[in-house]
Amino acid sequence: MLVAIGSDHGGFRLKEEIKRFLEEEKIAYRDFGTYSTDSVDYPDISRSVAQAVATGECDRGIIICGTGIGVSIAANKIKGIRAALCHDVYSAQMSREHNDANILTMGERVIGPGLARAIVAKWLATEFAGGRHARRVCQIASLEEE
């Protein structure tokens, strides 16, 4: 698995923590920035991560900002992306099982590093359940054509 990861300045520190976690777990990743706490525009980072996932360059993505909201909204504008904002482990699990989320978003100003690590671990380990949920994911994809 190759994970695309990115953040704006408000999520930089948590992104670095998640990169350490990925390294510890021997999960490959590609960092799409930002590379400091200097102010950047989160839609640019979201676009880069989301396009890498949508094109298949990366298998899944993680994007972090101050709240996780802005990066989630921006990523979901890219066709084929199902970005889920998760600040608890159960939501992370359900976003994968039921919604086949391919991008996880989180907020550095909302959760701490320990919880973020647990969320990422569960999200990466959870597979899509398929079945009745596959029909609904197809319905979501069809909304992109309207």
N, C-alpha and C. Protein backbone atom coordinates (compact mmCIF):
# COMPACT_ATOMS: atom_id res chain seq x y z
N MET A 1 0.85 -1.18 0.00
CA MET A 1 0.00 0.00 0.00
C MET A 1 0.89 1.24 0.00
N LEU A 2 0.51 2.21 -0.83
CA LEU A 2 1.19 3.49 -0.86
C LEU A 2 0.18 4.56 -0.46
N VAL A 3 0.50 5.31 0.59
CA VAL A 3 -0.39 6.32 1.14
C VAL A 3 0.11 7.71 0.74
N ALA A 4 -0.78 8.49 0.17
CA ALA A 4 -0.50 9.91 -0.08
C ALA A 4 -0.83 10.67 1.21
N ILE A 5 0.06 11.55 1.64
CA ILE A 5 -0.20 12.30 2.85
C ILE A 5 0.12 13.77 2.60
N GLY A 6 -0.68 14.63 3.21
CA GLY A 6 -0.47 16.05 3.06
C GLY A 6 -1.15 16.82 4.17
N SER A 7 -0.73 18.06 4.32
CA SER A 7 -1.35 18.94 5.31
C SER A 7 -1.12 20.38 4.92
N ASP A 8 -1.91 21.25 5.52
CA ASP A 8 -1.58 22.67 5.46
C ASP A 8 -0.76 22.98 6.71
N HIS A 9 -0.51 24.26 6.93
CA HIS A 9 0.29 24.67 8.09
C HIS A 9 -0.37 24.29 9.41
N GLY A 10 -1.70 24.30 9.45
CA GLY A 10 -2.43 23.97 10.67
C GLY A 10 -2.40 22.49 11.03
N GLY A 11 -2.01 21.66 10.09
CA GLY A 11 -1.94 20.22 10.33
C GLY A 11 -0.54 19.66 10.21
N PHE A 12 0.45 20.53 10.02
CA PHE A 12 1.82 20.07 9.76
C PHE A 12 2.36 19.18 10.87
N ARG A 13 2.22 19.57 12.12
CA ARG A 13 2.80 18.78 13.22
C ARG A 13 2.15 17.40 13.32
N LEU A 14 0.85 17.33 13.15
CA LEU A 14 0.17 16.04 13.20
C LEU A 14 0.55 15.19 11.98
N LYS A 15 0.73 15.81 10.83
CA LYS A 15 1.17 15.07 9.65
C LYS A 15 2.52 14.42 9.92
N GLU A 16 3.43 15.15 10.54
CA GLU A 16 4.74 14.60 10.85
C GLU A 16 4.63 13.42 11.83
N GLU A 17 3.71 13.51 12.77
CA GLU A 17 3.47 12.40 13.70
C GLU A 17 2.93 11.18 12.96
N ILE A 18 2.02 11.39 12.04
CA ILE A 18 1.46 10.28 11.27
C ILE A 18 2.51 9.68 10.35
N LYS A 19 3.39 10.47 9.81
CA LYS A 19 4.50 9.93 9.00
C LYS A 19 5.38 9.01 9.85
N ARG A 20 5.65 9.42 11.09
CA ARG A 20 6.44 8.55 11.98
C ARG A 20 5.71 7.23 12.21
N PHE A 21 4.40 7.31 12.43
CA PHE A 21 3.60 6.10 12.62
C PHE A 21 3.69 5.20 11.39
N LEU A 22 3.53 5.77 10.21
CA LEU A 22 3.61 4.98 8.98
C LEU A 22 4.97 4.31 8.84
N GLU A 23 6.02 5.04 9.16
CA GLU A 23 7.37 4.47 9.11
C GLU A 23 7.51 3.31 10.09
N GLU A 24 7.00 3.49 11.31
CA GLU A 24 7.06 2.43 12.32
C GLU A 24 6.33 1.17 11.84
N GLU A 25 5.23 1.37 11.13
CA GLU A 25 4.42 0.25 10.63
C GLU A 25 4.90 -0.26 9.27
N LYS A 26 5.96 0.37 8.76
CA LYS A 26 6.53 -0.01 7.46
C LYS A 26 5.51 0.14 6.32
N ILE A 27 4.75 1.22 6.39
CA ILE A 27 3.78 1.55 5.35
C ILE A 27 4.38 2.67 4.51
N ALA A 28 4.48 2.43 3.22
CA ALA A 28 5.06 3.42 2.32
C ALA A 28 4.12 4.61 2.16
N TYR A 29 4.72 5.79 2.03
CA TYR A 29 3.92 7.00 1.84
C TYR A 29 4.66 7.96 0.93
N ARG A 30 3.90 8.89 0.37
CA ARG A 30 4.44 10.00 -0.39
C ARG A 30 3.90 11.28 0.23
N ASP A 31 4.78 12.17 0.61
CA ASP A 31 4.43 13.42 1.28
C ASP A 31 4.23 14.51 0.23
N PHE A 32 3.01 15.04 0.17
CA PHE A 32 2.66 16.09 -0.77
C PHE A 32 2.74 17.49 -0.15
N GLY A 33 3.36 17.60 1.03
CA GLY A 33 3.51 18.90 1.67
C GLY A 33 2.35 19.20 2.59
N THR A 34 2.42 20.27 3.21
CA THR A 34 3.44 21.27 3.28
C THR A 34 4.60 20.77 4.14
N TYR A 35 5.69 21.49 4.10
CA TYR A 35 6.90 21.01 4.75
C TYR A 35 7.35 21.90 5.91
N SER A 36 6.44 22.76 6.38
CA SER A 36 6.72 23.63 7.53
C SER A 36 5.40 24.19 8.04
N THR A 37 5.48 25.02 9.05
CA THR A 37 4.28 25.66 9.59
C THR A 37 4.01 27.00 8.91
N ASP A 38 4.73 27.31 7.85
CA ASP A 38 4.45 28.53 7.09
C ASP A 38 3.10 28.39 6.40
N SER A 39 2.35 29.47 6.37
CA SER A 39 1.00 29.46 5.83
C SER A 39 0.96 29.05 4.36
N VAL A 40 0.03 28.12 4.06
CA VAL A 40 -0.23 27.68 2.69
C VAL A 40 -1.74 27.55 2.51
N ASP A 41 -2.17 27.41 1.27
CA ASP A 41 -3.60 27.25 0.97
C ASP A 41 -3.95 25.76 0.92
N TYR A 42 -4.83 25.34 1.81
CA TYR A 42 -5.15 23.90 1.91
C TYR A 42 -5.79 23.31 0.65
N PRO A 43 -6.53 24.07 -0.18
CA PRO A 43 -7.07 23.42 -1.38
C PRO A 43 -5.98 22.88 -2.31
N ASP A 44 -4.83 23.55 -2.34
CA ASP A 44 -3.74 23.07 -3.20
C ASP A 44 -3.21 21.72 -2.73
N ILE A 45 -3.04 21.58 -1.41
CA ILE A 45 -2.56 20.31 -0.85
C ILE A 45 -3.61 19.23 -1.06
N SER A 46 -4.87 19.57 -0.81
CA SER A 46 -5.96 18.60 -1.00
C SER A 46 -6.00 18.10 -2.43
N ARG A 47 -5.87 19.01 -3.37
CA ARG A 47 -5.90 18.64 -4.78
C ARG A 47 -4.77 17.66 -5.10
N SER A 48 -3.57 17.94 -4.63
CA SER A 48 -2.43 17.08 -4.93
C SER A 48 -2.63 15.67 -4.39
N VAL A 49 -3.05 15.56 -3.13
CA VAL A 49 -3.27 14.24 -2.52
C VAL A 49 -4.43 13.53 -3.22
N ALA A 50 -5.53 14.24 -3.43
CA ALA A 50 -6.71 13.62 -4.03
C ALA A 50 -6.44 13.15 -5.46
N GLN A 51 -5.71 13.93 -6.23
CA GLN A 51 -5.40 13.50 -7.60
C GLN A 51 -4.51 12.26 -7.60
N ALA A 52 -3.58 12.19 -6.65
CA ALA A 52 -2.72 11.00 -6.56
C ALA A 52 -3.54 9.75 -6.26
N VAL A 53 -4.56 9.89 -5.43
CA VAL A 53 -5.43 8.75 -5.11
C VAL A 53 -6.37 8.46 -6.28
N ALA A 54 -6.96 9.48 -6.85
CA ALA A 54 -7.94 9.29 -7.93
C ALA A 54 -7.31 8.66 -9.16
N THR A 55 -6.06 8.96 -9.43
CA THR A 55 -5.38 8.40 -10.61
C THR A 55 -4.78 7.02 -10.34
N GLY A 56 -4.76 6.60 -9.09
CA GLY A 56 -4.17 5.31 -8.75
C GLY A 56 -2.69 5.37 -8.46
N GLU A 57 -2.11 6.56 -8.51
CA GLU A 57 -0.70 6.72 -8.16
C GLU A 57 -0.47 6.27 -6.71
N CYS A 58 -1.43 6.57 -5.85
CA CYS A 58 -1.40 6.14 -4.45
C CYS A 58 -2.71 5.40 -4.16
N ASP A 59 -2.64 4.48 -3.21
CA ASP A 59 -3.81 3.66 -2.90
C ASP A 59 -4.83 4.37 -2.03
N ARG A 60 -4.36 5.12 -1.05
CA ARG A 60 -5.22 5.88 -0.14
C ARG A 60 -4.51 7.17 0.22
N GLY A 61 -5.28 8.09 0.84
CA GLY A 61 -4.70 9.36 1.22
C GLY A 61 -5.10 9.79 2.61
N ILE A 62 -4.25 10.61 3.21
CA ILE A 62 -4.52 11.21 4.51
C ILE A 62 -4.19 12.69 4.38
N ILE A 63 -5.16 13.54 4.74
CA ILE A 63 -4.94 14.99 4.67
C ILE A 63 -5.33 15.60 6.02
N ILE A 64 -4.50 16.52 6.50
CA ILE A 64 -4.71 17.11 7.83
C ILE A 64 -4.64 18.63 7.73
N CYS A 65 -5.58 19.28 8.37
CA CYS A 65 -5.53 20.74 8.54
C CYS A 65 -5.90 21.02 9.99
N GLY A 66 -6.26 22.24 10.30
CA GLY A 66 -6.60 22.57 11.68
C GLY A 66 -7.80 21.80 12.19
N THR A 67 -8.85 21.72 11.36
CA THR A 67 -10.07 21.02 11.77
C THR A 67 -10.34 19.76 10.96
N GLY A 68 -9.75 19.65 9.79
CA GLY A 68 -10.04 18.55 8.87
C GLY A 68 -11.19 18.85 7.94
N ILE A 69 -11.92 19.93 8.20
CA ILE A 69 -13.11 20.24 7.41
C ILE A 69 -12.74 20.76 6.03
N GLY A 70 -11.91 21.77 5.97
CA GLY A 70 -11.57 22.38 4.68
C GLY A 70 -10.94 21.40 3.72
N VAL A 71 -9.99 20.60 4.22
CA VAL A 71 -9.32 19.64 3.33
C VAL A 71 -10.29 18.56 2.85
N SER A 72 -11.25 18.21 3.68
CA SER A 72 -12.26 17.22 3.29
C SER A 72 -13.15 17.77 2.18
N ILE A 73 -13.61 18.98 2.36
CA ILE A 73 -14.46 19.60 1.33
C ILE A 73 -13.70 19.69 0.02
N ALA A 74 -12.47 20.17 0.07
CA ALA A 74 -11.68 20.34 -1.15
C ALA A 74 -11.40 18.99 -1.82
N ALA A 75 -10.99 17.99 -1.06
CA ALA A 75 -10.67 16.69 -1.65
C ALA A 75 -11.89 16.07 -2.32
N ASN A 76 -13.05 16.25 -1.72
CA ASN A 76 -14.27 15.65 -2.27
C ASN A 76 -14.73 16.30 -3.57
N LYS A 77 -14.09 17.36 -4.00
CA LYS A 77 -14.39 17.97 -5.30
C LYS A 77 -13.72 17.21 -6.45
N ILE A 78 -12.76 16.35 -6.13
CA ILE A 78 -12.05 15.60 -7.15
C ILE A 78 -12.83 14.32 -7.45
N LYS A 79 -13.10 14.10 -8.71
CA LYS A 79 -13.88 12.93 -9.13
C LYS A 79 -13.21 11.64 -8.65
N GLY A 80 -14.02 10.78 -8.05
CA GLY A 80 -13.53 9.48 -7.58
C GLY A 80 -13.07 9.48 -6.13
N ILE A 81 -13.12 10.63 -5.50
CA ILE A 81 -12.65 10.72 -4.11
C ILE A 81 -13.83 10.64 -3.16
N ARG A 82 -13.62 9.87 -2.10
CA ARG A 82 -14.57 9.77 -0.99
C ARG A 82 -13.77 10.05 0.27
N ALA A 83 -13.62 11.33 0.57
CA ALA A 83 -12.85 11.75 1.75
C ALA A 83 -13.77 11.80 2.96
N ALA A 84 -13.30 11.21 4.05
CA ALA A 84 -14.09 11.15 5.29
C ALA A 84 -13.34 11.84 6.41
N LEU A 85 -14.00 12.78 7.04
CA LEU A 85 -13.47 13.47 8.22
C LEU A 85 -13.76 12.60 9.43
N CYS A 86 -12.72 12.12 10.10
CA CYS A 86 -12.90 11.21 11.23
C CYS A 86 -12.07 11.67 12.42
N HIS A 87 -12.75 11.81 13.55
CA HIS A 87 -12.07 12.18 14.78
C HIS A 87 -12.29 11.14 15.87
N ASP A 88 -12.74 9.95 15.46
CA ASP A 88 -12.85 8.82 16.38
C ASP A 88 -12.63 7.54 15.60
N VAL A 89 -12.26 6.50 16.30
CA VAL A 89 -11.89 5.23 15.67
C VAL A 89 -13.09 4.58 15.00
N TYR A 90 -14.26 4.64 15.62
CA TYR A 90 -15.44 3.99 15.04
C TYR A 90 -15.80 4.61 13.69
N SER A 91 -15.78 5.94 13.60
CA SER A 91 -16.09 6.60 12.33
C SER A 91 -15.07 6.23 11.26
N ALA A 92 -13.81 6.12 11.66
CA ALA A 92 -12.78 5.72 10.70
C ALA A 92 -13.07 4.32 10.16
N GLN A 93 -13.42 3.41 11.05
CA GLN A 93 -13.76 2.05 10.64
C GLN A 93 -14.96 2.04 9.70
N MET A 94 -16.01 2.73 10.07
CA MET A 94 -17.23 2.75 9.25
C MET A 94 -17.01 3.44 7.92
N SER A 95 -16.15 4.46 7.88
CA SER A 95 -15.89 5.15 6.62
C SER A 95 -15.26 4.20 5.60
N ARG A 96 -14.50 3.24 6.07
CA ARG A 96 -13.91 2.24 5.19
C ARG A 96 -14.91 1.11 4.89
N GLU A 97 -15.50 0.54 5.95
CA GLU A 97 -16.40 -0.61 5.78
C GLU A 97 -17.61 -0.29 4.92
N HIS A 98 -18.25 0.83 5.19
CA HIS A 98 -19.53 1.15 4.55
C HIS A 98 -19.40 2.10 3.37
N ASN A 99 -18.41 2.99 3.40
CA ASN A 99 -18.33 4.04 2.38
C ASN A 99 -17.13 3.91 1.45
N ASP A 100 -16.26 2.95 1.72
CA ASP A 100 -15.05 2.76 0.93
C ASP A 100 -14.28 4.08 0.79
N ALA A 101 -14.18 4.82 1.89
CA ALA A 101 -13.46 6.09 1.88
C ALA A 101 -12.02 5.84 1.43
N ASN A 102 -11.56 6.66 0.50
CA ASN A 102 -10.19 6.50 0.03
C ASN A 102 -9.26 7.61 0.52
N ILE A 103 -9.84 8.59 1.21
CA ILE A 103 -9.04 9.62 1.89
C ILE A 103 -9.60 9.83 3.29
N LEU A 104 -8.70 9.87 4.24
CA LEU A 104 -9.01 10.18 5.63
C LEU A 104 -8.57 11.61 5.90
N THR A 105 -9.46 12.41 6.49
CA THR A 105 -9.04 13.75 6.91
C THR A 105 -9.22 13.87 8.42
N MET A 106 -8.33 14.67 9.01
CA MET A 106 -8.35 14.89 10.46
C MET A 106 -7.93 16.32 10.75
N GLY A 107 -8.23 16.77 11.97
CA GLY A 107 -7.87 18.11 12.40
C GLY A 107 -6.89 18.10 13.55
N GLU A 108 -5.74 18.70 13.35
CA GLU A 108 -4.72 18.77 14.40
C GLU A 108 -5.20 19.52 15.63
N ARG A 109 -6.06 20.51 15.43
CA ARG A 109 -6.55 21.31 16.56
C ARG A 109 -7.73 20.65 17.26
N VAL A 110 -8.13 19.47 16.77
CA VAL A 110 -9.30 18.77 17.31
C VAL A 110 -8.90 17.53 18.10
N ILE A 111 -7.90 16.79 17.61
CA ILE A 111 -7.50 15.54 18.26
C ILE A 111 -6.00 15.54 18.53
N GLY A 112 -5.60 14.72 19.46
CA GLY A 112 -4.20 14.58 19.80
C GLY A 112 -3.53 13.49 18.98
N PRO A 113 -2.21 13.40 19.11
CA PRO A 113 -1.46 12.43 18.30
C PRO A 113 -1.77 10.98 18.62
N GLY A 114 -2.04 10.63 19.86
CA GLY A 114 -2.35 9.24 20.21
C GLY A 114 -3.63 8.78 19.55
N LEU A 115 -4.66 9.60 19.63
CA LEU A 115 -5.93 9.25 18.99
C LEU A 115 -5.76 9.23 17.47
N ALA A 116 -5.03 10.17 16.93
CA ALA A 116 -4.81 10.21 15.47
C ALA A 116 -4.14 8.92 15.00
N ARG A 117 -3.15 8.45 15.74
CA ARG A 117 -2.48 7.19 15.39
C ARG A 117 -3.48 6.03 15.39
N ALA A 118 -4.33 5.98 16.40
CA ALA A 118 -5.32 4.90 16.49
C ALA A 118 -6.32 4.97 15.34
N ILE A 119 -6.72 6.17 14.98
CA ILE A 119 -7.64 6.36 13.86
C ILE A 119 -7.00 5.88 12.56
N VAL A 120 -5.77 6.30 12.32
CA VAL A 120 -5.07 5.90 11.10
C VAL A 120 -4.88 4.39 11.06
N ALA A 121 -4.50 3.79 12.17
CA ALA A 121 -4.30 2.34 12.22
C ALA A 121 -5.58 1.60 11.85
N LYS A 122 -6.68 1.99 12.44
CA LYS A 122 -7.96 1.33 12.15
C LYS A 122 -8.39 1.58 10.71
N TRP A 123 -8.23 2.81 10.24
CA TRP A 123 -8.65 3.16 8.88
C TRP A 123 -7.86 2.38 7.84
N LEU A 124 -6.56 2.27 8.04
CA LEU A 124 -5.74 1.53 7.08
C LEU A 124 -5.99 0.03 7.13
N ALA A 125 -6.35 -0.49 8.29
CA ALA A 125 -6.55 -1.93 8.45
C ALA A 125 -7.94 -2.40 8.01
N THR A 126 -8.87 -1.49 7.87
CA THR A 126 -10.26 -1.86 7.58
C THR A 126 -10.50 -1.94 6.09
N GLU A 127 -11.09 -3.04 5.67
CA GLU A 127 -11.43 -3.23 4.26
C GLU A 127 -12.89 -2.85 4.02
N PHE A 128 -13.21 -2.55 2.79
CA PHE A 128 -14.57 -2.25 2.37
C PHE A 128 -15.40 -3.52 2.45
N ALA A 129 -16.58 -3.45 3.04
CA ALA A 129 -17.43 -4.62 3.23
C ALA A 129 -18.14 -5.05 1.95
N GLY A 130 -18.29 -4.14 1.01
CA GLY A 130 -18.99 -4.49 -0.23
C GLY A 130 -20.46 -4.76 0.02
N GLY A 131 -21.03 -5.74 -0.68
CA GLY A 131 -22.44 -6.09 -0.50
C GLY A 131 -23.35 -4.91 -0.76
N ARG A 132 -24.30 -4.71 0.12
CA ARG A 132 -25.27 -3.62 -0.06
C ARG A 132 -24.59 -2.25 -0.07
N HIS A 133 -23.42 -2.17 0.54
CA HIS A 133 -22.70 -0.90 0.59
C HIS A 133 -22.11 -0.54 -0.78
N ALA A 134 -21.79 -1.54 -1.58
CA ALA A 134 -21.24 -1.29 -2.92
C ALA A 134 -22.25 -0.54 -3.78
N ARG A 135 -23.50 -0.91 -3.68
CA ARG A 135 -24.55 -0.23 -4.44
C ARG A 135 -24.59 1.25 -4.06
N ARG A 136 -24.45 1.53 -2.79
CA ARG A 136 -24.52 2.92 -2.33
C ARG A 136 -23.29 3.71 -2.76
N VAL A 137 -22.14 3.07 -2.74
CA VAL A 137 -20.93 3.75 -3.20
C VAL A 137 -21.07 4.07 -4.69
N CYS A 138 -21.67 3.17 -5.46
CA CYS A 138 -21.92 3.45 -6.88
C CYS A 138 -22.89 4.62 -7.04
N GLN A 139 -23.89 4.70 -6.16
CA GLN A 139 -24.82 5.83 -6.21
C GLN A 139 -24.09 7.14 -5.91
N ILE A 140 -23.17 7.11 -4.96
CA ILE A 140 -22.37 8.30 -4.67
C ILE A 140 -21.57 8.71 -5.91
N ALA A 141 -20.93 7.74 -6.55
CA ALA A 141 -20.13 8.03 -7.75
C ALA A 141 -21.00 8.62 -8.85
N SER A 142 -22.24 8.14 -8.96
CA SER A 142 -23.11 8.67 -10.02
C SER A 142 -23.46 10.13 -9.80
N LEU A 143 -23.38 10.61 -8.58
CA LEU A 143 -23.63 12.02 -8.31
C LEU A 143 -22.60 12.92 -8.98
N GLU A 144 -21.42 12.37 -9.22
CA GLU A 144 -20.36 13.14 -9.90
C GLU A 144 -20.69 13.40 -11.35
N GLU A 145 -21.63 12.65 -11.91
CA GLU A 145 -22.00 12.78 -13.32
C GLU A 145 -23.17 13.72 -13.51
N GLU A 146 -23.80 14.16 -12.43
CA GLU A 146 -24.99 15.04 -12.56
C GLU A 146 -24.60 16.48 -12.83
